[in-house]
Every structure is written in structure tokens, then in C-alpha cells.
Amino acid sequence: MIEDTKKADHPTEKVTMTLPGTVEKIIPPIVPSEPEKAQIAVHGAEELYREIRVENTLQDEDGNPVSLKKGAEVEVTIAAEPKDIKPKNQ
């Protein structure tokens, strides 16, 4: 069997890292036409950078709009294309 070296040398799947998080608070919009935000504490991130705010608009498996509740346990995934990564210096 002949191996496709292009695929072996250049992976096609994204490289990912997933960290646990907790919804700390729900922030109502300042302007009624804007969506509310969910503030998420990312466990494992540096103290000064562990909180992110994202639009609190998701969809369930049936496509219905849903939102996160305060205290919800979530996962935060970081994904990168293979072209955007490099070997780690050790």
C-alpha cells in the first residue's frame, strides 16, 4: 500500500484544546436590541484572563433558541488550523 505523504506531513483536522468553565453571571443588554451576554470563568486560564463574555444565544439539538443559566458548567474549546500551529520548543 502506498502512503499519501502529503496527508501525513500536513494534517487536515484542527488541533483543539478544551477547558472547563462556569457561567459566573448573565449580563443584560444596555440597549434592548442587543443580546444579553454570559460571563464565563475558564478554569485553567491565567487569573487576569480567565473570564470571557460571549453572546448568550445558543441552539438546542432541535434548533430552538436557548440561553445559558448562571452556574452552568460549560466547555470552552480553542481550535486552530494545522497551518497555524508550530512544534513546541522543549
N, C-alpha and C. Protein backbone atom coordinates (compact mmCIF):
# COMPACT_ATOMS: atom_id res chain seq x y z
N MET A 1 0.85 -1.18 0.00
CA MET A 1 0.00 0.00 0.00
C MET A 1 0.88 1.23 0.00
N ILE A 2 0.55 2.22 -0.82
CA ILE A 2 1.32 3.45 -0.92
C ILE A 2 0.71 4.47 0.03
N GLU A 3 1.56 5.07 0.87
CA GLU A 3 1.09 6.07 1.82
C GLU A 3 1.09 7.44 1.17
N ASP A 4 0.05 8.20 1.39
CA ASP A 4 -0.03 9.56 0.88
C ASP A 4 0.76 10.46 1.82
N THR A 5 1.99 10.82 1.42
CA THR A 5 2.86 11.61 2.30
C THR A 5 2.34 13.02 2.50
N LYS A 6 1.60 13.54 1.54
CA LYS A 6 1.04 14.88 1.73
C LYS A 6 0.11 14.92 2.93
N LYS A 7 -0.73 13.89 3.09
CA LYS A 7 -1.62 13.85 4.24
C LYS A 7 -0.85 13.62 5.53
N ALA A 8 0.18 12.79 5.49
CA ALA A 8 0.96 12.52 6.69
C ALA A 8 1.73 13.75 7.14
N ASP A 9 2.23 14.54 6.18
CA ASP A 9 3.02 15.73 6.51
C ASP A 9 2.13 16.92 6.86
N HIS A 10 0.91 16.94 6.37
CA HIS A 10 0.01 18.07 6.58
C HIS A 10 -1.34 17.58 7.06
N PRO A 11 -1.51 17.47 8.37
CA PRO A 11 -2.80 17.00 8.88
C PRO A 11 -3.93 17.95 8.46
N THR A 12 -5.12 17.41 8.28
CA THR A 12 -6.24 18.24 7.84
C THR A 12 -7.19 18.60 8.97
N GLU A 13 -7.12 17.89 10.08
CA GLU A 13 -8.01 18.18 11.20
C GLU A 13 -7.47 19.31 12.06
N LYS A 14 -8.37 20.09 12.61
CA LYS A 14 -7.97 21.17 13.50
C LYS A 14 -7.39 20.59 14.78
N VAL A 15 -6.45 21.31 15.35
CA VAL A 15 -5.88 20.96 16.65
C VAL A 15 -6.72 21.68 17.69
N THR A 16 -7.13 20.96 18.73
CA THR A 16 -8.03 21.57 19.71
C THR A 16 -7.54 21.39 21.14
N MET A 17 -8.06 22.25 21.98
CA MET A 17 -7.82 22.19 23.43
C MET A 17 -9.14 22.61 24.07
N THR A 18 -9.63 21.83 25.02
CA THR A 18 -10.89 22.13 25.68
C THR A 18 -10.67 22.31 27.17
N LEU A 19 -11.18 23.41 27.70
CA LEU A 19 -11.05 23.72 29.12
C LEU A 19 -12.44 23.82 29.74
N PRO A 20 -12.58 23.40 30.99
CA PRO A 20 -13.87 23.55 31.66
C PRO A 20 -14.10 25.00 32.07
N GLY A 21 -15.37 25.38 32.15
CA GLY A 21 -15.71 26.73 32.57
C GLY A 21 -17.03 26.74 33.31
N THR A 22 -17.30 27.85 33.95
CA THR A 22 -18.56 28.04 34.69
C THR A 22 -19.13 29.41 34.34
N VAL A 23 -20.42 29.45 34.07
CA VAL A 23 -21.09 30.73 33.80
C VAL A 23 -21.19 31.46 35.14
N GLU A 24 -20.47 32.58 35.26
CA GLU A 24 -20.46 33.35 36.50
C GLU A 24 -21.65 34.29 36.62
N LYS A 25 -22.02 34.91 35.50
CA LYS A 25 -23.15 35.84 35.54
C LYS A 25 -23.72 36.02 34.15
N ILE A 26 -24.97 36.44 34.14
CA ILE A 26 -25.66 36.80 32.91
C ILE A 26 -25.78 38.31 32.92
N ILE A 27 -25.32 38.95 31.85
CA ILE A 27 -25.30 40.40 31.79
C ILE A 27 -26.38 40.88 30.83
N PRO A 28 -27.38 41.60 31.36
CA PRO A 28 -28.45 42.10 30.49
C PRO A 28 -27.89 43.15 29.53
N PRO A 29 -28.51 43.28 28.37
CA PRO A 29 -28.02 44.27 27.41
C PRO A 29 -28.28 45.70 27.88
N ILE A 30 -27.39 46.59 27.51
CA ILE A 30 -27.58 48.02 27.82
C ILE A 30 -28.64 48.58 26.89
N VAL A 31 -28.56 48.18 25.63
CA VAL A 31 -29.53 48.58 24.62
C VAL A 31 -30.45 47.40 24.38
N PRO A 32 -31.76 47.57 24.49
CA PRO A 32 -32.70 46.44 24.36
C PRO A 32 -32.55 45.62 23.08
N SER A 33 -32.07 46.21 22.01
CA SER A 33 -31.94 45.48 20.76
C SER A 33 -30.69 44.58 20.72
N GLU A 34 -29.81 44.75 21.68
CA GLU A 34 -28.59 43.94 21.77
C GLU A 34 -28.88 42.67 22.57
N PRO A 35 -28.13 41.57 22.31
CA PRO A 35 -28.35 40.34 23.08
C PRO A 35 -27.67 40.41 24.45
N GLU A 36 -28.19 39.60 25.39
CA GLU A 36 -27.53 39.51 26.69
C GLU A 36 -26.22 38.73 26.52
N LYS A 37 -25.33 38.87 27.50
CA LYS A 37 -24.03 38.21 27.47
C LYS A 37 -23.93 37.23 28.63
N ALA A 38 -23.15 36.18 28.43
CA ALA A 38 -22.82 35.25 29.51
C ALA A 38 -21.35 35.44 29.82
N GLN A 39 -21.04 35.69 31.09
CA GLN A 39 -19.64 35.79 31.52
C GLN A 39 -19.21 34.42 32.01
N ILE A 40 -18.16 33.89 31.38
CA ILE A 40 -17.70 32.53 31.68
C ILE A 40 -16.30 32.58 32.27
N ALA A 41 -16.13 31.92 33.42
CA ALA A 41 -14.80 31.77 34.02
C ALA A 41 -14.20 30.49 33.44
N VAL A 42 -13.07 30.64 32.75
CA VAL A 42 -12.40 29.49 32.13
C VAL A 42 -11.39 28.94 33.13
N HIS A 43 -11.63 27.72 33.60
CA HIS A 43 -10.73 27.08 34.57
C HIS A 43 -9.45 26.65 33.85
N GLY A 44 -8.32 26.99 34.43
CA GLY A 44 -7.05 26.64 33.82
C GLY A 44 -6.40 27.82 33.10
N ALA A 45 -7.13 28.92 32.94
CA ALA A 45 -6.57 30.11 32.32
C ALA A 45 -5.91 30.96 33.41
N GLU A 46 -5.02 31.86 32.99
CA GLU A 46 -4.38 32.76 33.96
C GLU A 46 -5.44 33.65 34.61
N GLU A 47 -5.21 34.01 35.85
CA GLU A 47 -6.18 34.75 36.66
C GLU A 47 -6.69 36.02 35.96
N LEU A 48 -5.80 36.81 35.38
CA LEU A 48 -6.22 38.06 34.75
C LEU A 48 -7.00 37.85 33.46
N TYR A 49 -6.91 36.66 32.88
CA TYR A 49 -7.51 36.42 31.57
C TYR A 49 -8.54 35.29 31.58
N ARG A 50 -9.01 34.90 32.73
CA ARG A 50 -9.86 33.71 32.81
C ARG A 50 -11.32 33.96 32.49
N GLU A 51 -11.75 35.22 32.44
CA GLU A 51 -13.16 35.49 32.17
C GLU A 51 -13.35 35.97 30.74
N ILE A 52 -14.34 35.34 30.08
CA ILE A 52 -14.72 35.78 28.75
C ILE A 52 -16.20 36.09 28.75
N ARG A 53 -16.61 36.97 27.86
CA ARG A 53 -18.03 37.28 27.70
C ARG A 53 -18.43 36.97 26.27
N VAL A 54 -19.50 36.21 26.16
CA VAL A 54 -20.00 35.82 24.85
C VAL A 54 -21.49 36.07 24.79
N GLU A 55 -22.00 36.22 23.58
CA GLU A 55 -23.43 36.36 23.39
C GLU A 55 -24.12 35.12 23.94
N ASN A 56 -25.15 35.32 24.71
CA ASN A 56 -25.84 34.20 25.36
C ASN A 56 -26.99 33.71 24.48
N THR A 57 -26.64 33.30 23.28
CA THR A 57 -27.61 32.79 22.33
C THR A 57 -27.07 31.49 21.75
N LEU A 58 -27.74 30.39 22.06
CA LEU A 58 -27.35 29.08 21.56
C LEU A 58 -28.58 28.41 20.95
N GLN A 59 -28.36 27.22 20.38
CA GLN A 59 -29.47 26.43 19.86
C GLN A 59 -29.39 25.04 20.44
N ASP A 60 -30.56 24.46 20.77
CA ASP A 60 -30.58 23.08 21.23
C ASP A 60 -30.52 22.14 20.02
N GLU A 61 -30.57 20.85 20.27
CA GLU A 61 -30.43 19.87 19.18
C GLU A 61 -31.55 19.95 18.15
N ASP A 62 -32.67 20.55 18.51
CA ASP A 62 -33.79 20.71 17.58
C ASP A 62 -33.77 22.06 16.87
N GLY A 63 -32.76 22.88 17.15
CA GLY A 63 -32.65 24.19 16.52
C GLY A 63 -33.40 25.30 17.22
N ASN A 64 -33.94 25.01 18.41
CA ASN A 64 -34.67 26.03 19.17
C ASN A 64 -33.69 26.94 19.90
N PRO A 65 -33.96 28.25 19.95
CA PRO A 65 -33.07 29.16 20.68
C PRO A 65 -33.11 28.88 22.18
N VAL A 66 -31.94 28.86 22.80
CA VAL A 66 -31.80 28.65 24.24
C VAL A 66 -30.70 29.58 24.75
N SER A 67 -30.59 29.69 26.08
CA SER A 67 -29.53 30.50 26.68
C SER A 67 -29.00 29.78 27.90
N LEU A 68 -27.80 30.16 28.30
CA LEU A 68 -27.15 29.56 29.47
C LEU A 68 -27.69 30.19 30.75
N LYS A 69 -27.66 29.42 31.84
CA LYS A 69 -28.06 29.90 33.16
C LYS A 69 -26.80 30.17 33.98
N LYS A 70 -26.91 31.08 34.93
CA LYS A 70 -25.84 31.33 35.87
C LYS A 70 -25.52 30.01 36.59
N GLY A 71 -24.23 29.70 36.71
CA GLY A 71 -23.80 28.49 37.38
C GLY A 71 -23.63 27.29 36.46
N ALA A 72 -24.03 27.42 35.20
CA ALA A 72 -23.92 26.31 34.25
C ALA A 72 -22.45 25.92 34.04
N GLU A 73 -22.21 24.63 33.99
CA GLU A 73 -20.88 24.11 33.68
C GLU A 73 -20.79 23.99 32.17
N VAL A 74 -19.75 24.58 31.58
CA VAL A 74 -19.59 24.58 30.12
C VAL A 74 -18.17 24.14 29.76
N GLU A 75 -17.94 23.92 28.48
CA GLU A 75 -16.61 23.63 27.96
C GLU A 75 -16.26 24.71 26.96
N VAL A 76 -15.03 25.21 27.03
CA VAL A 76 -14.54 26.22 26.10
C VAL A 76 -13.48 25.54 25.25
N THR A 77 -13.72 25.50 23.94
CA THR A 77 -12.80 24.83 23.03
C THR A 77 -12.08 25.85 22.17
N ILE A 78 -10.76 25.68 22.09
CA ILE A 78 -9.92 26.50 21.23
C ILE A 78 -9.49 25.60 20.09
N ALA A 79 -9.70 26.03 18.86
CA ALA A 79 -9.37 25.21 17.70
C ALA A 79 -8.50 26.03 16.74
N ALA A 80 -7.51 25.37 16.14
CA ALA A 80 -6.62 26.03 15.19
C ALA A 80 -6.41 25.14 13.98
N GLU A 81 -6.31 25.77 12.83
CA GLU A 81 -5.99 25.05 11.59
C GLU A 81 -4.56 24.55 11.67
N PRO A 82 -4.27 23.41 11.06
CA PRO A 82 -2.90 22.88 11.08
C PRO A 82 -1.86 23.88 10.58
N LYS A 83 -2.23 24.73 9.61
CA LYS A 83 -1.28 25.72 9.08
C LYS A 83 -0.91 26.79 10.11
N ASP A 84 -1.68 26.89 11.19
CA ASP A 84 -1.49 27.94 12.18
C ASP A 84 -0.81 27.46 13.45
N ILE A 85 -0.21 26.28 13.43
CA ILE A 85 0.47 25.76 14.60
C ILE A 85 1.93 25.48 14.28
N LYS A 86 2.74 25.32 15.33
CA LYS A 86 4.16 25.00 15.15
C LYS A 86 4.54 24.03 16.26
N PRO A 87 5.63 23.30 16.08
CA PRO A 87 6.08 22.40 17.14
C PRO A 87 6.46 23.21 18.38
N LYS A 88 6.18 22.65 19.55
CA LYS A 88 6.50 23.31 20.81
C LYS A 88 7.98 23.10 21.13
N ASN A 89 8.67 24.17 21.48
CA ASN A 89 10.09 24.06 21.88
C ASN A 89 10.16 23.44 23.26
N GLN A 90 11.02 22.46 23.41
CA GLN A 90 11.12 21.81 24.71
C GLN A 90 12.47 21.98 25.31
